[in-house]
Amino acid sequence: MTNTIHYPQLDTILMVEKAIQQMNYPKKTELWKSLPKKVMYQTFCIIIDYLEQSGKIIIDKDRRIVWTWNPEMIKKIISSGVK
């Protein structure tokens, strides 16, 4: 069991989400190094794990991060009567 030193704040999570959307399938370390503000790597990994578990990203076989969340598609599916 690992001890988490610092949990991410919402603005940090949003910053990482925006960076993923703007980059072209970055690897984890490429993304971390490109962030506009410094983030502890452990905190960054917590964010990546959260985004992956929530279905907003997937990490492909080449270890590239792919943004998958599409709220417009979700609205369309819900409006068509799918529960």
PDB file of N, CA and C in Angstrom:
ATOM      1  N   MET A   1       0.850  -1.182   0.000  1.00  0.00           N
ATOM      2  CA  MET A   1       0.000   0.000   0.000  1.00  0.00           C
ATOM      3  C   MET A   1       0.893   1.242   0.000  1.00  0.00           C
ATOM      4  N   THR A   2       0.638   2.151  -0.933  1.00  0.00           N
ATOM      5  CA  THR A   2       1.434   3.359  -1.006  1.00  0.00           C
ATOM      6  C   THR A   2       0.715   4.498  -0.311  1.00  0.00           C
ATOM      7  N   ASN A   3       1.489   5.393   0.244  1.00  0.00           N
ATOM      8  CA  ASN A   3       0.923   6.568   0.890  1.00  0.00           C
ATOM      9  C   ASN A   3       0.890   7.708  -0.109  1.00  0.00           C
ATOM     10  N   THR A   4      -0.275   8.297  -0.278  1.00  0.00           N
ATOM     11  CA  THR A   4      -0.405   9.444  -1.160  1.00  0.00           C
ATOM     12  C   THR A   4      -0.045  10.685  -0.371  1.00  0.00           C
ATOM     13  N   ILE A   5       0.928  11.411  -0.897  1.00  0.00           N
ATOM     14  CA  ILE A   5       1.394  12.610  -0.212  1.00  0.00           C
ATOM     15  C   ILE A   5       0.465  13.790  -0.483  1.00  0.00           C
ATOM     16  N   HIS A   6      -0.013  13.890  -1.720  1.00  0.00           N
ATOM     17  CA  HIS A   6      -0.783  15.072  -2.096  1.00  0.00           C
ATOM     18  C   HIS A   6      -1.846  14.694  -3.117  1.00  0.00           C
ATOM     19  N   TYR A   7      -3.093  15.014  -2.815  1.00  0.00           N
ATOM     20  CA  TYR A   7      -4.163  14.791  -3.770  1.00  0.00           C
ATOM     21  C   TYR A   7      -4.296  16.017  -4.661  1.00  0.00           C
ATOM     22  N   PRO A   8      -4.657  15.816  -5.925  1.00  0.00           N
ATOM     23  CA  PRO A   8      -4.733  16.951  -6.861  1.00  0.00           C
ATOM     24  C   PRO A   8      -5.939  17.836  -6.602  1.00  0.00           C
ATOM     25  N   GLN A   9      -5.775  19.105  -6.921  1.00  0.00           N
ATOM     26  CA  GLN A   9      -6.873  20.054  -6.852  1.00  0.00           C
ATOM     27  C   GLN A   9      -7.575  20.060  -8.207  1.00  0.00           C
ATOM     28  N   LEU A  10      -8.810  20.543  -8.218  1.00  0.00           N
ATOM     29  CA  LEU A  10      -9.599  20.552  -9.439  1.00  0.00           C
ATOM     30  C   LEU A  10      -8.910  21.322 -10.563  1.00  0.00           C
ATOM     31  N   ASP A  11      -8.317  22.467 -10.269  1.00  0.00           N
ATOM     32  CA  ASP A  11      -7.671  23.244 -11.326  1.00  0.00           C
ATOM     33  C   ASP A  11      -6.500  22.484 -11.955  1.00  0.00           C
ATOM     34  N   THR A  12      -5.830  21.654 -11.174  1.00  0.00           N
ATOM     35  CA  THR A  12      -4.732  20.846 -11.701  1.00  0.00           C
ATOM     36  C   THR A  12      -5.269  19.748 -12.609  1.00  0.00           C
ATOM     37  N   ILE A  13      -6.356  19.119 -12.213  1.00  0.00           N
ATOM     38  CA  ILE A  13      -6.980  18.085 -13.042  1.00  0.00           C
ATOM     39  C   ILE A  13      -7.430  18.685 -14.367  1.00  0.00           C
ATOM     40  N   LEU A  14      -8.069  19.853 -14.309  1.00  0.00           N
ATOM     41  CA  LEU A  14      -8.532  20.522 -15.528  1.00  0.00           C
ATOM     42  C   LEU A  14      -7.364  20.916 -16.422  1.00  0.00           C
ATOM     43  N   MET A  15      -6.248  21.329 -15.825  1.00  0.00           N
ATOM     44  CA  MET A  15      -5.059  21.690 -16.590  1.00  0.00           C
ATOM     45  C   MET A  15      -4.534  20.469 -17.357  1.00  0.00           C
ATOM     46  N   VAL A  16      -4.496  19.320 -16.709  1.00  0.00           N
ATOM     47  CA  VAL A  16      -4.027  18.092 -17.350  1.00  0.00           C
ATOM     48  C   VAL A  16      -4.993  17.677 -18.459  1.00  0.00           C
ATOM     49  N   GLU A  17      -6.293  17.750 -18.205  1.00  0.00           N
ATOM     50  CA  GLU A  17      -7.289  17.422 -19.231  1.00  0.00           C
ATOM     51  C   GLU A  17      -7.095  18.293 -20.466  1.00  0.00           C
ATOM     52  N   LYS A  18      -6.930  19.585 -20.265  1.00  0.00           N
ATOM     53  CA  LYS A  18      -6.758  20.515 -21.385  1.00  0.00           C
ATOM     54  C   LYS A  18      -5.481  20.198 -22.162  1.00  0.00           C
ATOM     55  N   ALA A  19      -4.415  19.889 -21.454  1.00  0.00           N
ATOM     56  CA  ALA A  19      -3.148  19.562 -22.119  1.00  0.00           C
ATOM     57  C   ALA A  19      -3.285  18.293 -22.958  1.00  0.00           C
ATOM     58  N   ILE A  20      -3.994  17.295 -22.447  1.00  0.00           N
ATOM     59  CA  ILE A  20      -4.195  16.053 -23.207  1.00  0.00           C
ATOM     60  C   ILE A  20      -4.971  16.343 -24.487  1.00  0.00           C
ATOM     61  N   GLN A  21      -6.008  17.157 -24.380  1.00  0.00           N
ATOM     62  CA  GLN A  21      -6.836  17.475 -25.538  1.00  0.00           C
ATOM     63  C   GLN A  21      -6.063  18.258 -26.593  1.00  0.00           C
ATOM     64  N   GLN A  22      -5.108  19.059 -26.172  1.00  0.00           N
ATOM     65  CA  GLN A  22      -4.356  19.897 -27.106  1.00  0.00           C
ATOM     66  C   GLN A  22      -3.166  19.181 -27.733  1.00  0.00           C
ATOM     67  N   MET A  23      -2.688  18.135 -27.085  1.00  0.00           N
ATOM     68  CA  MET A  23      -1.513  17.422 -27.592  1.00  0.00           C
ATOM     69  C   MET A  23      -1.947  16.273 -28.498  1.00  0.00           C
ATOM     70  N   ASN A  24      -1.020  15.818 -29.299  1.00  0.00           N
ATOM     71  CA  ASN A  24      -1.281  14.751 -30.252  1.00  0.00           C
ATOM     72  C   ASN A  24      -0.794  13.421 -29.700  1.00  0.00           C
ATOM     73  N   TYR A  25      -1.636  12.746 -28.914  1.00  0.00           N
ATOM     74  CA  TYR A  25      -1.358  11.436 -28.340  1.00  0.00           C
ATOM     75  C   TYR A  25      -0.009  11.383 -27.608  1.00  0.00           C
ATOM     76  N   PRO A  26       0.122  12.157 -26.530  1.00  0.00           N
ATOM     77  CA  PRO A  26       1.408  12.181 -25.816  1.00  0.00           C
ATOM     78  C   PRO A  26       1.644  10.934 -24.981  1.00  0.00           C
ATOM     79  N   LYS A  27       2.904  10.658 -24.717  1.00  0.00           N
ATOM     80  CA  LYS A  27       3.228   9.648 -23.712  1.00  0.00           C
ATOM     81  C   LYS A  27       3.130  10.332 -22.360  1.00  0.00           C
ATOM     82  N   LYS A  28       3.081   9.542 -21.308  1.00  0.00           N
ATOM     83  CA  LYS A  28       2.864  10.071 -19.963  1.00  0.00           C
ATOM     84  C   LYS A  28       3.927  11.104 -19.567  1.00  0.00           C
ATOM     85  N   THR A  29       5.199  10.776 -19.763  1.00  0.00           N
ATOM     86  CA  THR A  29       6.254  11.715 -19.360  1.00  0.00           C
ATOM     87  C   THR A  29       6.288  12.948 -20.254  1.00  0.00           C
ATOM     88  N   GLU A  30       5.957  12.798 -21.548  1.00  0.00           N
ATOM     89  CA  GLU A  30       5.889  13.962 -22.441  1.00  0.00           C
ATOM     90  C   GLU A  30       4.830  14.936 -21.954  1.00  0.00           C
ATOM     91  N   LEU A  31       3.685  14.387 -21.584  1.00  0.00           N
ATOM     92  CA  LEU A  31       2.593  15.217 -21.083  1.00  0.00           C
ATOM     93  C   LEU A  31       3.000  15.911 -19.795  1.00  0.00           C
ATOM     94  N   TRP A  32       3.564  15.177 -18.866  1.00  0.00           N
ATOM     95  CA  TRP A  32       3.955  15.725 -17.568  1.00  0.00           C
ATOM     96  C   TRP A  32       4.954  16.871 -17.740  1.00  0.00           C
ATOM     97  N   LYS A  33       5.929  16.700 -18.620  1.00  0.00           N
ATOM     98  CA  LYS A  33       6.948  17.731 -18.833  1.00  0.00           C
ATOM     99  C   LYS A  33       6.403  18.956 -19.559  1.00  0.00           C
ATOM    100  N   SER A  34       5.298  18.789 -20.296  1.00  0.00           N
ATOM    101  CA  SER A  34       4.757  19.901 -21.074  1.00  0.00           C
ATOM    102  C   SER A  34       3.745  20.751 -20.316  1.00  0.00           C
ATOM    103  N   LEU A  35       3.386  20.357 -19.110  1.00  0.00           N
ATOM    104  CA  LEU A  35       2.366  21.097 -18.358  1.00  0.00           C
ATOM    105  C   LEU A  35       2.836  22.513 -18.052  1.00  0.00           C
ATOM    106  N   PRO A  36       1.919  23.486 -18.104  1.00  0.00           N
ATOM    107  CA  PRO A  36       2.303  24.877 -17.857  1.00  0.00           C
ATOM    108  C   PRO A  36       2.725  25.166 -16.414  1.00  0.00           C
ATOM    109  N   LYS A  37       2.223  24.366 -15.467  1.00  0.00           N
ATOM    110  CA  LYS A  37       2.634  24.505 -14.065  1.00  0.00           C
ATOM    111  C   LYS A  37       3.272  23.204 -13.623  1.00  0.00           C
ATOM    112  N   LYS A  38       4.210  23.296 -12.699  1.00  0.00           N
ATOM    113  CA  LYS A  38       4.843  22.088 -12.188  1.00  0.00           C
ATOM    114  C   LYS A  38       3.864  21.326 -11.308  1.00  0.00           C
ATOM    115  N   VAL A  39       3.894  20.002 -11.473  1.00  0.00           N
ATOM    116  CA  VAL A  39       3.043  19.115 -10.696  1.00  0.00           C
ATOM    117  C   VAL A  39       3.918  17.958 -10.233  1.00  0.00           C
ATOM    118  N   MET A  40       3.785  17.584  -8.971  1.00  0.00           N
ATOM    119  CA  MET A  40       4.528  16.423  -8.492  1.00  0.00           C
ATOM    120  C   MET A  40       4.128  15.211  -9.335  1.00  0.00           C
ATOM    121  N   TYR A  41       5.097  14.362  -9.671  1.00  0.00           N
ATOM    122  CA  TYR A  41       4.820  13.220 -10.542  1.00  0.00           C
ATOM    123  C   TYR A  41       3.808  12.270  -9.902  1.00  0.00           C
ATOM    124  N   GLN A  42       3.890  12.092  -8.592  1.00  0.00           N
ATOM    125  CA  GLN A  42       2.940  11.221  -7.897  1.00  0.00           C
ATOM    126  C   GLN A  42       1.513  11.771  -8.040  1.00  0.00           C
ATOM    127  N   THR A  43       1.353  13.064  -7.911  1.00  0.00           N
ATOM    128  CA  THR A  43       0.049  13.705  -8.070  1.00  0.00           C
ATOM    129  C   THR A  43      -0.426  13.566  -9.509  1.00  0.00           C
ATOM    130  N   PHE A  44       0.475  13.761 -10.455  1.00  0.00           N
ATOM    131  CA  PHE A  44       0.168  13.617 -11.871  1.00  0.00           C
ATOM    132  C   PHE A  44      -0.330  12.194 -12.167  1.00  0.00           C
ATOM    133  N   CYS A  45       0.311  11.202 -11.600  1.00  0.00           N
ATOM    134  CA  CYS A  45      -0.091   9.803 -11.808  1.00  0.00           C
ATOM    135  C   CYS A  45      -1.482   9.530 -11.241  1.00  0.00           C
ATOM    136  N   ILE A  46      -1.808  10.166 -10.128  1.00  0.00           N
ATOM    137  CA  ILE A  46      -3.156  10.035  -9.556  1.00  0.00           C
ATOM    138  C   ILE A  46      -4.182  10.599 -10.535  1.00  0.00           C
ATOM    139  N   ILE A  47      -3.874  11.729 -11.152  1.00  0.00           N
ATOM    140  CA  ILE A  47      -4.774  12.347 -12.130  1.00  0.00           C
ATOM    141  C   ILE A  47      -4.961  11.431 -13.335  1.00  0.00           C
ATOM    142  N   ILE A  48      -3.874  10.883 -13.854  1.00  0.00           N
ATOM    143  CA  ILE A  48      -3.952   9.990 -15.011  1.00  0.00           C
ATOM    144  C   ILE A  48      -4.787   8.755 -14.664  1.00  0.00           C
ATOM    145  N   ASP A  49      -4.572   8.191 -13.487  1.00  0.00           N
ATOM    146  CA  ASP A  49      -5.367   7.028 -13.057  1.00  0.00           C
ATOM    147  C   ASP A  49      -6.849   7.380 -12.965  1.00  0.00           C
ATOM    148  N   TYR A  50      -7.157   8.549 -12.398  1.00  0.00           N
ATOM    149  CA  TYR A  50      -8.546   9.003 -12.285  1.00  0.00           C
ATOM    150  C   TYR A  50      -9.175   9.165 -13.671  1.00  0.00           C
ATOM    151  N   LEU A  51      -8.463   9.822 -14.596  1.00  0.00           N
ATOM    152  CA  LEU A  51      -9.012  10.044 -15.933  1.00  0.00           C
ATOM    153  C   LEU A  51      -9.235   8.729 -16.673  1.00  0.00           C
ATOM    154  N   GLU A  52      -8.345   7.777 -16.461  1.00  0.00           N
ATOM    155  CA  GLU A  52      -8.492   6.474 -17.108  1.00  0.00           C
ATOM    156  C   GLU A  52      -9.681   5.703 -16.515  1.00  0.00           C
ATOM    157  N   GLN A  53      -9.802   5.706 -15.202  1.00  0.00           N
ATOM    158  CA  GLN A  53     -10.907   4.989 -14.544  1.00  0.00           C
ATOM    159  C   GLN A  53     -12.261   5.615 -14.846  1.00  0.00           C
ATOM    160  N   SER A  54     -12.287   6.921 -15.079  1.00  0.00           N
ATOM    161  CA  SER A  54     -13.558   7.595 -15.367  1.00  0.00           C
ATOM    162  C   SER A  54     -13.921   7.533 -16.846  1.00  0.00           C
ATOM    163  N   GLY A  55     -13.064   6.937 -17.666  1.00  0.00           N
ATOM    164  CA  GLY A  55     -13.367   6.760 -19.080  1.00  0.00           C
ATOM    165  C   GLY A  55     -13.072   7.963 -19.947  1.00  0.00           C
ATOM    166  N   LYS A  56     -12.349   8.929 -19.428  1.00  0.00           N
ATOM    167  CA  LYS A  56     -12.024  10.115 -20.225  1.00  0.00           C
ATOM    168  C   LYS A  56     -10.803   9.897 -21.107  1.00  0.00           C
ATOM    169  N   ILE A  57      -9.922   8.997 -20.714  1.00  0.00           N
ATOM    170  CA  ILE A  57      -8.755   8.679 -21.521  1.00  0.00           C
ATOM    171  C   ILE A  57      -8.561   7.168 -21.571  1.00  0.00           C
ATOM    172  N   ILE A  58      -7.804   6.738 -22.571  1.00  0.00           N
ATOM    173  CA  ILE A  58      -7.289   5.381 -22.584  1.00  0.00           C
ATOM    174  C   ILE A  58      -5.805   5.474 -22.895  1.00  0.00           C
ATOM    175  N   ILE A  59      -5.066   4.480 -22.473  1.00  0.00           N
ATOM    176  CA  ILE A  59      -3.644   4.422 -22.772  1.00  0.00           C
ATOM    177  C   ILE A  59      -3.470   3.223 -23.697  1.00  0.00           C
ATOM    178  N   ASP A  60      -3.005   3.496 -24.922  1.00  0.00           N
ATOM    179  CA  ASP A  60      -2.925   2.431 -25.921  1.00  0.00           C
ATOM    180  C   ASP A  60      -1.688   1.558 -25.715  1.00  0.00           C
ATOM    181  N   LYS A  61      -1.518   0.569 -26.602  1.00  0.00           N
ATOM    182  CA  LYS A  61      -0.418  -0.390 -26.464  1.00  0.00           C
ATOM    183  C   LYS A  61       0.953   0.261 -26.578  1.00  0.00           C
ATOM    184  N   ASP A  62       1.044   1.427 -27.233  1.00  0.00           N
ATOM    185  CA  ASP A  62       2.309   2.160 -27.351  1.00  0.00           C
ATOM    186  C   ASP A  62       2.522   3.121 -26.191  1.00  0.00           C
ATOM    187  N   ARG A  63       1.650   3.032 -25.176  1.00  0.00           N
ATOM    188  CA  ARG A  63       1.696   3.875 -23.975  1.00  0.00           C
ATOM    189  C   ARG A  63       1.376   5.341 -24.293  1.00  0.00           C
ATOM    190  N   ARG A  64       0.623   5.572 -25.357  1.00  0.00           N
ATOM    191  CA  ARG A  64       0.179   6.917 -25.714  1.00  0.00           C
ATOM    192  C   ARG A  64      -1.174   7.182 -25.064  1.00  0.00           C
ATOM    193  N   ILE A  65      -1.405   8.420 -24.648  1.00  0.00           N
ATOM    194  CA  ILE A  65      -2.654   8.804 -24.003  1.00  0.00           C
ATOM    195  C   ILE A  65      -3.616   9.323 -25.063  1.00  0.00           C
ATOM    196  N   VAL A  66      -4.819   8.765 -25.083  1.00  0.00           N
ATOM    197  CA  VAL A  66      -5.836   9.144 -26.065  1.00  0.00           C
ATOM    198  C   VAL A  66      -7.050   9.688 -25.332  1.00  0.00           C
ATOM    199  N   TRP A  67      -7.477  10.893 -25.674  1.00  0.00           N
ATOM    200  CA  TRP A  67      -8.663  11.508 -25.086  1.00  0.00           C
ATOM    201  C   TRP A  67      -9.891  10.862 -25.716  1.00  0.00           C
ATOM    202  N   THR A  68     -10.771  10.276 -24.911  1.00  0.00           N
ATOM    203  CA  THR A  68     -11.934   9.563 -25.439  1.00  0.00           C
ATOM    204  C   THR A  68     -13.269  10.183 -25.044  1.00  0.00           C
ATOM    205  N   TRP A  69     -13.278  11.083 -24.100  1.00  0.00           N
ATOM    206  CA  TRP A  69     -14.530  11.632 -23.585  1.00  0.00           C
ATOM    207  C   TRP A  69     -15.162  12.544 -24.628  1.00  0.00           C
ATOM    208  N   ASN A  70     -16.423  12.279 -24.948  1.00  0.00           N
ATOM    209  CA  ASN A  70     -17.151  13.065 -25.937  1.00  0.00           C
ATOM    210  C   ASN A  70     -18.539  13.387 -25.388  1.00  0.00           C
ATOM    211  N   PRO A  71     -18.686  14.509 -24.670  1.00  0.00           N
ATOM    212  CA  PRO A  71     -19.974  14.825 -24.040  1.00  0.00           C
ATOM    213  C   PRO A  71     -21.101  15.045 -25.048  1.00  0.00           C
ATOM    214  N   GLU A  72     -20.788  15.547 -26.241  1.00  0.00           N
ATOM    215  CA  GLU A  72     -21.837  15.751 -27.248  1.00  0.00           C
ATOM    216  C   GLU A  72     -22.431  14.410 -27.681  1.00  0.00           C
ATOM    217  N   MET A  73     -21.600  13.404 -27.846  1.00  0.00           N
ATOM    218  CA  MET A  73     -22.076  12.081 -28.219  1.00  0.00           C
ATOM    219  C   MET A  73     -22.925  11.485 -27.093  1.00  0.00           C
ATOM    220  N   ILE A  74     -22.507  11.715 -25.851  1.00  0.00           N
ATOM    221  CA  ILE A  74     -23.266  11.216 -24.701  1.00  0.00           C
ATOM    222  C   ILE A  74     -24.658  11.861 -24.680  1.00  0.00           C
ATOM    223  N   LYS A  75     -24.743  13.170 -24.930  1.00  0.00           N
ATOM    224  CA  LYS A  75     -26.039  13.855 -24.957  1.00  0.00           C
ATOM    225  C   LYS A  75     -26.929  13.278 -26.054  1.00  0.00           C
ATOM    226  N   LYS A  76     -26.328  13.012 -27.210  1.00  0.00           N
ATOM    227  CA  LYS A  76     -27.088  12.456 -28.329  1.00  0.00           C
ATOM    228  C   LYS A  76     -27.623  11.062 -27.986  1.00  0.00           C
ATOM    229  N   ILE A  77     -26.807  10.254 -27.348  1.00  0.00           N
ATOM    230  CA  ILE A  77     -27.220   8.899 -26.971  1.00  0.00           C
ATOM    231  C   ILE A  77     -28.347   8.954 -25.937  1.00  0.00           C
ATOM    232  N   ILE A  78     -28.211   9.824 -24.949  1.00  0.00           N
ATOM    233  CA  ILE A  78     -29.227   9.945 -23.907  1.00  0.00           C
ATOM    234  C   ILE A  78     -30.538  10.456 -24.489  1.00  0.00           C
ATOM    235  N   SER A  79     -30.447  11.426 -25.399  1.00  0.00           N
ATOM    236  CA  SER A  79     -31.678  11.999 -25.989  1.00  0.00           C
ATOM    237  C   SER A  79     -32.400  11.002 -26.885  1.00  0.00           C
ATOM    238  N   SER A  80     -31.682   9.983 -27.374  1.00  0.00           N
ATOM    239  CA  SER A  80     -32.334   8.985 -28.232  1.00  0.00           C
ATOM    240  C   SER A  80     -33.108   7.937 -27.416  1.00  0.00           C
ATOM    241  N   GLY A  81     -33.045   8.049 -26.083  1.00  0.00           N
ATOM    242  CA  GLY A  81     -33.844   7.171 -25.248  1.00  0.00           C
ATOM    243  C   GLY A  81     -33.074   6.032 -24.618  1.00  0.00           C
ATOM    244  N   VAL A  82     -31.783   5.966 -24.843  1.00  0.00           N
ATOM    245  CA  VAL A  82     -30.969   4.901 -24.240  1.00  0.00           C
ATOM    246  C   VAL A  82     -30.729   5.230 -22.798  1.00  0.00           C
ATOM    247  N   LYS A  83     -30.902   4.236 -21.923  1.00  0.00           N
ATOM    248  CA  LYS A  83     -30.695   4.463 -20.503  1.00  0.00           C
ATOM    249  C   LYS A  83     -29.427   3.804 -20.045  1.00  0.00           C
TER     250      LYS A  83
END
